[in-house]
Amino acid sequence: MGISDHLPYVERPDLSPFLIHLTKNTKTDDEYSAFDNLVNILKTGQIWASDKKKGFIKGANGAACFMDVPFMSLKYVLNKETANPDHPKYEPFGIVVTKQTAYSKGARPVLYLSNKEIKEIGVSNEELWRVVRFEGIETKEINWTHEREWRAKEHFQLPAEPIAVLVKSLNYVKELNTLIKEQPSEFKSKPQSIIPINVVCQGLIYI
């Protein structure tokens, strides 16, 4: 699905018609780099769900996670703390889908709720995958609202031709293009474009 002409993205530079799923290395588990995990997502054609075993999702169901962040703002997301390669939360590799595509596949903005509010509202265990804990607005409290997170229940099936992938630099653009060209049958999802984040963000000062 394409980009909607009916939402005020031109007038609102803080808004984006896209959602982004960033990858990271999993070297402590399987020796995969963030780039390796991006390639595996494209080969399988799906973004794997996180679950409560990893501490990010509550309840009975896992969820695939995205952030609603304009491309130019990724340089603030990929900072010294979150992109530390020894224990990263994100690295400069990821998948881009339009909000229309994500919505059609069940993705929705998360519910930011405190533990008390979860009980008061009566969110069932089956629907806790939608909830991100929110306990206040001070930095010392639990507050992830700045991530503007969206989630889809369980694994997220990518289109055969997702609108774009993000890679760290032009060298990775060449590497991914070569892999897809040499092994086309191994990729269930082939991106329409490959975008180097360090070009879009005019540098990544912490990475």
C-alpha atoms as a PDB file:
ATOM      1  CA  MET A   1       0.000   0.000   0.000  1.00  0.00           C
ATOM      2  CA  GLY A   2       1.202   3.495  -0.844  1.00  0.00           C
ATOM      3  CA  ILE A   3       1.513   6.709   1.103  1.00  0.00           C
ATOM      4  CA  SER A   4      -1.751   8.393   2.035  1.00  0.00           C
ATOM      5  CA  ASP A   5      -2.465  11.820   0.528  1.00  0.00           C
ATOM      6  CA  HIS A   6      -5.069  12.531   3.197  1.00  0.00           C
ATOM      7  CA  LEU A   7      -2.855  12.988   6.245  1.00  0.00           C
ATOM      8  CA  PRO A   8      -0.940  16.209   7.046  1.00  0.00           C
ATOM      9  CA  TYR A   9       2.614  14.902   6.648  1.00  0.00           C
ATOM     10  CA  VAL A  10       3.711  17.876   4.547  1.00  0.00           C
ATOM     11  CA  GLU A  11       2.497  20.388   7.135  1.00  0.00           C
ATOM     12  CA  ARG A  12       3.759  18.352  10.112  1.00  0.00           C
ATOM     13  CA  PRO A  13       7.479  17.518   9.994  1.00  0.00           C
ATOM     14  CA  ASP A  14       7.120  15.673  13.303  1.00  0.00           C
ATOM     15  CA  LEU A  15       4.831  13.115  11.637  1.00  0.00           C
ATOM     16  CA  SER A  16       5.700  10.331   9.221  1.00  0.00           C
ATOM     17  CA  PRO A  17       3.651   8.139   6.857  1.00  0.00           C
ATOM     18  CA  PHE A  18       5.977   5.255   7.748  1.00  0.00           C
ATOM     19  CA  LEU A  19       6.702   2.899  10.628  1.00  0.00           C
ATOM     20  CA  ILE A  20      10.200   1.591  11.308  1.00  0.00           C
ATOM     21  CA  HIS A  21      11.385  -1.659  12.869  1.00  0.00           C
ATOM     22  CA  LEU A  22      15.064  -1.391  13.812  1.00  0.00           C
ATOM     23  CA  THR A  23      17.201  -4.472  14.352  1.00  0.00           C
ATOM     24  CA  LYS A  24      20.149  -5.076  16.662  1.00  0.00           C
ATOM     25  CA  ASN A  25      22.862  -7.678  17.057  1.00  0.00           C
ATOM     26  CA  THR A  26      22.117 -10.869  18.953  1.00  0.00           C
ATOM     27  CA  LYS A  27      25.721 -11.947  19.360  1.00  0.00           C
ATOM     28  CA  THR A  28      25.193 -13.222  22.900  1.00  0.00           C
ATOM     29  CA  ASP A  29      22.598 -15.689  21.589  1.00  0.00           C
ATOM     30  CA  ASP A  30      23.590 -16.646  18.051  1.00  0.00           C
ATOM     31  CA  GLU A  31      26.486 -14.449  16.865  1.00  0.00           C
ATOM     32  CA  TYR A  32      24.231 -12.564  14.418  1.00  0.00           C
ATOM     33  CA  SER A  33      24.985  -8.923  13.678  1.00  0.00           C
ATOM     34  CA  ALA A  34      22.214  -6.353  13.238  1.00  0.00           C
ATOM     35  CA  PHE A  35      22.792  -6.614   9.472  1.00  0.00           C
ATOM     36  CA  ASP A  36      22.537 -10.431   9.628  1.00  0.00           C
ATOM     37  CA  ASN A  37      19.197 -10.122  11.425  1.00  0.00           C
ATOM     38  CA  LEU A  38      17.935  -7.680   8.804  1.00  0.00           C
ATOM     39  CA  VAL A  39      18.892 -10.126   6.054  1.00  0.00           C
ATOM     40  CA  ASN A  40      17.145 -12.979   7.891  1.00  0.00           C
ATOM     41  CA  ILE A  41      13.970 -10.895   8.204  1.00  0.00           C
ATOM     42  CA  LEU A  42      13.989 -10.301   4.446  1.00  0.00           C
ATOM     43  CA  LYS A  43      14.680 -13.974   3.738  1.00  0.00           C
ATOM     44  CA  THR A  44      11.842 -15.209   5.950  1.00  0.00           C
ATOM     45  CA  GLY A  45       9.511 -12.372   4.961  1.00  0.00           C
ATOM     46  CA  GLN A  46       8.511 -11.656   8.544  1.00  0.00           C
ATOM     47  CA  ILE A  47       9.430  -9.609  11.585  1.00  0.00           C
ATOM     48  CA  TRP A  48       9.632 -11.951  14.523  1.00  0.00           C
ATOM     49  CA  ALA A  49       7.562 -11.197  17.584  1.00  0.00           C
ATOM     50  CA  SER A  50       9.128 -10.341  20.911  1.00  0.00           C
ATOM     51  CA  ASP A  51       7.518 -11.965  23.954  1.00  0.00           C
ATOM     52  CA  LYS A  52       7.499 -11.782  27.732  1.00  0.00           C
ATOM     53  CA  LYS A  53      10.607 -13.984  27.932  1.00  0.00           C
ATOM     54  CA  LYS A  54      12.586 -11.018  26.630  1.00  0.00           C
ATOM     55  CA  GLY A  55      10.914  -8.678  29.088  1.00  0.00           C
ATOM     56  CA  PHE A  56       9.352  -6.289  26.582  1.00  0.00           C
ATOM     57  CA  ILE A  57       5.878  -7.741  26.064  1.00  0.00           C
ATOM     58  CA  LYS A  58       3.346  -8.665  28.724  1.00  0.00           C
ATOM     59  CA  GLY A  59       0.608 -11.258  28.558  1.00  0.00           C
ATOM     60  CA  ALA A  60      -0.053 -14.409  26.578  1.00  0.00           C
ATOM     61  CA  ASN A  61       0.895 -13.132  23.115  1.00  0.00           C
ATOM     62  CA  GLY A  62       4.029 -11.797  21.504  1.00  0.00           C
ATOM     63  CA  ALA A  63       4.174  -8.737  19.290  1.00  0.00           C
ATOM     64  CA  ALA A  64       6.239  -7.214  16.489  1.00  0.00           C
ATOM     65  CA  CYS A  65       7.266  -3.676  17.385  1.00  0.00           C
ATOM     66  CA  PHE A  66       7.644  -0.511  15.318  1.00  0.00           C
ATOM     67  CA  MET A  67       8.332   3.157  16.019  1.00  0.00           C
ATOM     68  CA  ASP A  68       6.595   6.159  14.493  1.00  0.00           C
ATOM     69  CA  VAL A  69       9.660   8.354  13.915  1.00  0.00           C
ATOM     70  CA  PRO A  70      10.556  10.545  10.901  1.00  0.00           C
ATOM     71  CA  PHE A  71      13.748   9.400   9.168  1.00  0.00           C
ATOM     72  CA  MET A  72      15.676  12.549  10.065  1.00  0.00           C
ATOM     73  CA  SER A  73      14.956  11.961  13.763  1.00  0.00           C
ATOM     74  CA  LEU A  74      16.622   8.545  13.797  1.00  0.00           C
ATOM     75  CA  LYS A  75      19.924  10.210  14.699  1.00  0.00           C
ATOM     76  CA  TYR A  76      18.353  11.013  18.079  1.00  0.00           C
ATOM     77  CA  VAL A  77      17.036   7.480  18.532  1.00  0.00           C
ATOM     78  CA  LEU A  78      20.396   5.947  17.626  1.00  0.00           C
ATOM     79  CA  ASN A  79      22.300   7.617  20.429  1.00  0.00           C
ATOM     80  CA  LYS A  80      25.242   6.598  22.580  1.00  0.00           C
ATOM     81  CA  GLU A  81      23.073   4.754  25.100  1.00  0.00           C
ATOM     82  CA  THR A  82      20.584   2.909  22.887  1.00  0.00           C
ATOM     83  CA  ALA A  83      23.020   1.934  20.109  1.00  0.00           C
ATOM     84  CA  ASN A  84      25.909   0.719  22.261  1.00  0.00           C
ATOM     85  CA  PRO A  85      26.992  -2.430  20.337  1.00  0.00           C
ATOM     86  CA  ASP A  86      27.818  -4.290  23.568  1.00  0.00           C
ATOM     87  CA  HIS A  87      24.195  -4.123  24.750  1.00  0.00           C
ATOM     88  CA  PRO A  88      22.160  -2.345  22.055  1.00  0.00           C
ATOM     89  CA  LYS A  89      18.497  -1.582  21.992  1.00  0.00           C
ATOM     90  CA  TYR A  90      18.702  -0.482  18.374  1.00  0.00           C
ATOM     91  CA  GLU A  91      21.269  -0.384  15.614  1.00  0.00           C
ATOM     92  CA  PRO A  92      21.139   1.451  12.244  1.00  0.00           C
ATOM     93  CA  PHE A  93      19.442  -1.340  10.292  1.00  0.00           C
ATOM     94  CA  GLY A  94      15.736  -1.877   9.835  1.00  0.00           C
ATOM     95  CA  ILE A  95      12.538  -2.315   7.860  1.00  0.00           C
ATOM     96  CA  VAL A  96      10.214   0.451   6.712  1.00  0.00           C
ATOM     97  CA  VAL A  97       6.483  -0.097   6.054  1.00  0.00           C
ATOM     98  CA  THR A  98       3.744   2.410   5.373  1.00  0.00           C
ATOM     99  CA  LYS A  99       1.238   3.002   8.126  1.00  0.00           C
ATOM    100  CA  GLN A 100      -1.485   1.852   5.739  1.00  0.00           C
ATOM    101  CA  THR A 101       0.244  -1.508   5.284  1.00  0.00           C
ATOM    102  CA  ALA A 102       0.868  -1.895   9.010  1.00  0.00           C
ATOM    103  CA  TYR A 103      -2.720  -0.975   9.893  1.00  0.00           C
ATOM    104  CA  SER A 104      -4.121  -3.449   7.363  1.00  0.00           C
ATOM    105  CA  LYS A 105      -2.088  -6.198   9.064  1.00  0.00           C
ATOM    106  CA  GLY A 106      -3.369  -5.372  12.540  1.00  0.00           C
ATOM    107  CA  ALA A 107      -0.683  -3.019  13.830  1.00  0.00           C
ATOM    108  CA  ARG A 108      -1.907  -0.271  16.154  1.00  0.00           C
ATOM    109  CA  PRO A 109      -0.411   2.414  18.409  1.00  0.00           C
ATOM    110  CA  VAL A 110       0.285   0.916  21.827  1.00  0.00           C
ATOM    111  CA  LEU A 111      -1.639   1.798  24.970  1.00  0.00           C
ATOM    112  CA  TYR A 112       0.538   3.614  27.486  1.00  0.00           C
ATOM    113  CA  LEU A 113      -0.881   2.602  30.874  1.00  0.00           C
ATOM    114  CA  SER A 114       0.278   2.255  34.459  1.00  0.00           C
ATOM    115  CA  ASN A 115      -0.073  -1.109  36.212  1.00  0.00           C
ATOM    116  CA  LYS A 116      -2.910   0.412  38.250  1.00  0.00           C
ATOM    117  CA  GLU A 117      -4.728   1.532  35.098  1.00  0.00           C
ATOM    118  CA  ILE A 118      -4.329  -1.908  33.503  1.00  0.00           C
ATOM    119  CA  LYS A 119      -6.266  -3.378  36.435  1.00  0.00           C
ATOM    120  CA  GLU A 120      -8.828  -0.562  36.580  1.00  0.00           C
ATOM    121  CA  ILE A 121      -9.619  -0.783  32.868  1.00  0.00           C
ATOM    122  CA  GLY A 122      -9.552  -4.558  32.955  1.00  0.00           C
ATOM    123  CA  VAL A 123      -7.115  -5.271  30.117  1.00  0.00           C
ATOM    124  CA  SER A 124      -7.194  -9.029  29.612  1.00  0.00           C
ATOM    125  CA  ASN A 125      -4.079 -11.185  29.506  1.00  0.00           C
ATOM    126  CA  GLU A 126      -4.810 -11.828  25.815  1.00  0.00           C
ATOM    127  CA  GLU A 127      -4.585  -8.102  25.033  1.00  0.00           C
ATOM    128  CA  LEU A 128      -1.603  -7.117  27.188  1.00  0.00           C
ATOM    129  CA  TRP A 129       0.656  -7.222  24.105  1.00  0.00           C
ATOM    130  CA  ARG A 130      -0.847  -3.804  23.268  1.00  0.00           C
ATOM    131  CA  VAL A 131       0.297  -2.180  26.530  1.00  0.00           C
ATOM    132  CA  VAL A 132       3.524  -0.358  27.367  1.00  0.00           C
ATOM    133  CA  ARG A 133       3.972   0.518  31.017  1.00  0.00           C
ATOM    134  CA  PHE A 134       3.705   4.251  31.758  1.00  0.00           C
ATOM    135  CA  GLU A 135       4.182   5.397  35.346  1.00  0.00           C
ATOM    136  CA  GLY A 136       4.914   9.130  35.060  1.00  0.00           C
ATOM    137  CA  ILE A 137       6.569  11.864  33.060  1.00  0.00           C
ATOM    138  CA  GLU A 138       9.852  12.355  34.917  1.00  0.00           C
ATOM    139  CA  THR A 139      13.024  10.802  33.546  1.00  0.00           C
ATOM    140  CA  LYS A 140      13.443   8.676  36.684  1.00  0.00           C
ATOM    141  CA  GLU A 141      10.010   7.121  36.149  1.00  0.00           C
ATOM    142  CA  ILE A 142       8.898   4.548  33.583  1.00  0.00           C
ATOM    143  CA  ASN A 143       8.068   6.501  30.444  1.00  0.00           C
ATOM    144  CA  TRP A 144       8.562   5.244  26.869  1.00  0.00           C
ATOM    145  CA  THR A 145       6.051   7.550  25.185  1.00  0.00           C
ATOM    146  CA  HIS A 146       8.833   9.213  23.183  1.00  0.00           C
ATOM    147  CA  GLU A 147       9.144   6.055  21.087  1.00  0.00           C
ATOM    148  CA  ARG A 148       5.631   6.461  19.641  1.00  0.00           C
ATOM    149  CA  GLU A 149       5.433   2.696  19.476  1.00  0.00           C
ATOM    150  CA  TRP A 150       3.100   0.598  17.335  1.00  0.00           C
ATOM    151  CA  ARG A 151       2.679  -3.164  17.708  1.00  0.00           C
ATOM    152  CA  ALA A 152       1.220  -6.019  15.723  1.00  0.00           C
ATOM    153  CA  LYS A 153       0.143  -9.220  17.444  1.00  0.00           C
ATOM    154  CA  GLU A 154       2.661 -12.056  16.988  1.00  0.00           C
ATOM    155  CA  HIS A 155       4.882 -12.218  13.875  1.00  0.00           C
ATOM    156  CA  PHE A 156       4.401  -9.512  11.238  1.00  0.00           C
ATOM    157  CA  GLN A 157       4.217 -10.737   7.661  1.00  0.00           C
ATOM    158  CA  LEU A 158       6.034  -8.365   5.332  1.00  0.00           C
ATOM    159  CA  PRO A 159       4.867  -7.535   1.819  1.00  0.00           C
ATOM    160  CA  ALA A 160       6.786  -9.226  -1.010  1.00  0.00           C
ATOM    161  CA  GLU A 161       8.187  -5.789  -1.820  1.00  0.00           C
ATOM    162  CA  PRO A 162       8.375  -3.665   1.349  1.00  0.00           C
ATOM    163  CA  ILE A 163       8.774   0.010   0.597  1.00  0.00           C
ATOM    164  CA  ALA A 164      12.306   0.253   2.015  1.00  0.00           C
ATOM    165  CA  VAL A 165      14.978  -1.069   4.307  1.00  0.00           C
ATOM    166  CA  LEU A 166      17.437   1.043   6.275  1.00  0.00           C
ATOM    167  CA  VAL A 167      21.134   0.247   6.546  1.00  0.00           C
ATOM    168  CA  LYS A 168      23.990   2.048   8.261  1.00  0.00           C
ATOM    169  CA  SER A 169      25.953   3.212   5.220  1.00  0.00           C
ATOM    170  CA  LEU A 170      26.472   2.976   1.461  1.00  0.00           C
ATOM    171  CA  ASN A 171      28.764  -0.026   1.954  1.00  0.00           C
ATOM    172  CA  TYR A 172      25.819  -1.977   3.350  1.00  0.00           C
ATOM    173  CA  VAL A 173      23.618  -0.812   0.466  1.00  0.00           C
ATOM    174  CA  LYS A 174      26.081  -2.466  -1.901  1.00  0.00           C
ATOM    175  CA  GLU A 175      26.341  -5.600   0.245  1.00  0.00           C
ATOM    176  CA  LEU A 176      22.583  -6.105   0.498  1.00  0.00           C
ATOM    177  CA  ASN A 177      22.056  -5.409  -3.210  1.00  0.00           C
ATOM    178  CA  THR A 178      24.695  -8.027  -4.017  1.00  0.00           C
ATOM    179  CA  LEU A 179      23.094 -10.638  -1.745  1.00  0.00           C
ATOM    180  CA  ILE A 180      19.655 -10.132  -3.281  1.00  0.00           C
ATOM    181  CA  LYS A 181      21.050 -10.191  -6.816  1.00  0.00           C
ATOM    182  CA  GLU A 182      23.069 -13.362  -6.240  1.00  0.00           C
ATOM    183  CA  GLN A 183      20.429 -15.231  -4.190  1.00  0.00           C
ATOM    184  CA  PRO A 184      17.028 -13.882  -5.315  1.00  0.00           C
ATOM    185  CA  SER A 185      15.124 -17.081  -4.547  1.00  0.00           C
ATOM    186  CA  GLU A 186      16.219 -16.955  -0.896  1.00  0.00           C
ATOM    187  CA  PHE A 187      14.476 -13.637  -0.228  1.00  0.00           C
ATOM    188  CA  LYS A 188      10.727 -13.711   0.393  1.00  0.00           C
ATOM    189  CA  SER A 189      10.761  -9.913   0.735  1.00  0.00           C
ATOM    190  CA  LYS A 190      12.782  -7.762  -1.648  1.00  0.00           C
ATOM    191  CA  PRO A 191      12.797  -4.066  -0.723  1.00  0.00           C
ATOM    192  CA  GLN A 192      11.890  -1.455  -3.291  1.00  0.00           C
ATOM    193  CA  SER A 193      14.676   0.750  -1.953  1.00  0.00           C
ATOM    194  CA  ILE A 194      17.681   0.538   0.371  1.00  0.00           C
ATOM    195  CA  ILE A 195      18.360   3.733   2.299  1.00  0.00           C
ATOM    196  CA  PRO A 196      21.644   4.538   4.106  1.00  0.00           C
ATOM    197  CA  ILE A 197      20.790   6.114   7.456  1.00  0.00           C
ATOM    198  CA  ASN A 198      24.069   8.008   7.742  1.00  0.00           C
ATOM    199  CA  VAL A 199      23.172   9.858   4.522  1.00  0.00           C
ATOM    200  CA  VAL A 200      19.558  10.609   5.519  1.00  0.00           C
ATOM    201  CA  CYS A 201      20.622  11.802   8.967  1.00  0.00           C
ATOM    202  CA  GLN A 202      23.725  13.624   7.690  1.00  0.00           C
ATOM    203  CA  GLY A 203      25.928  11.468   9.878  1.00  0.00           C
ATOM    204  CA  LEU A 204      25.526   9.255  12.928  1.00  0.00           C
ATOM    205  CA  ILE A 205      27.787  10.847  15.477  1.00  0.00           C
ATOM    206  CA  TYR A 206      27.590   8.091  18.101  1.00  0.00           C
ATOM    207  CA  ILE A 207      28.083   5.108  15.795  1.00  0.00           C
END
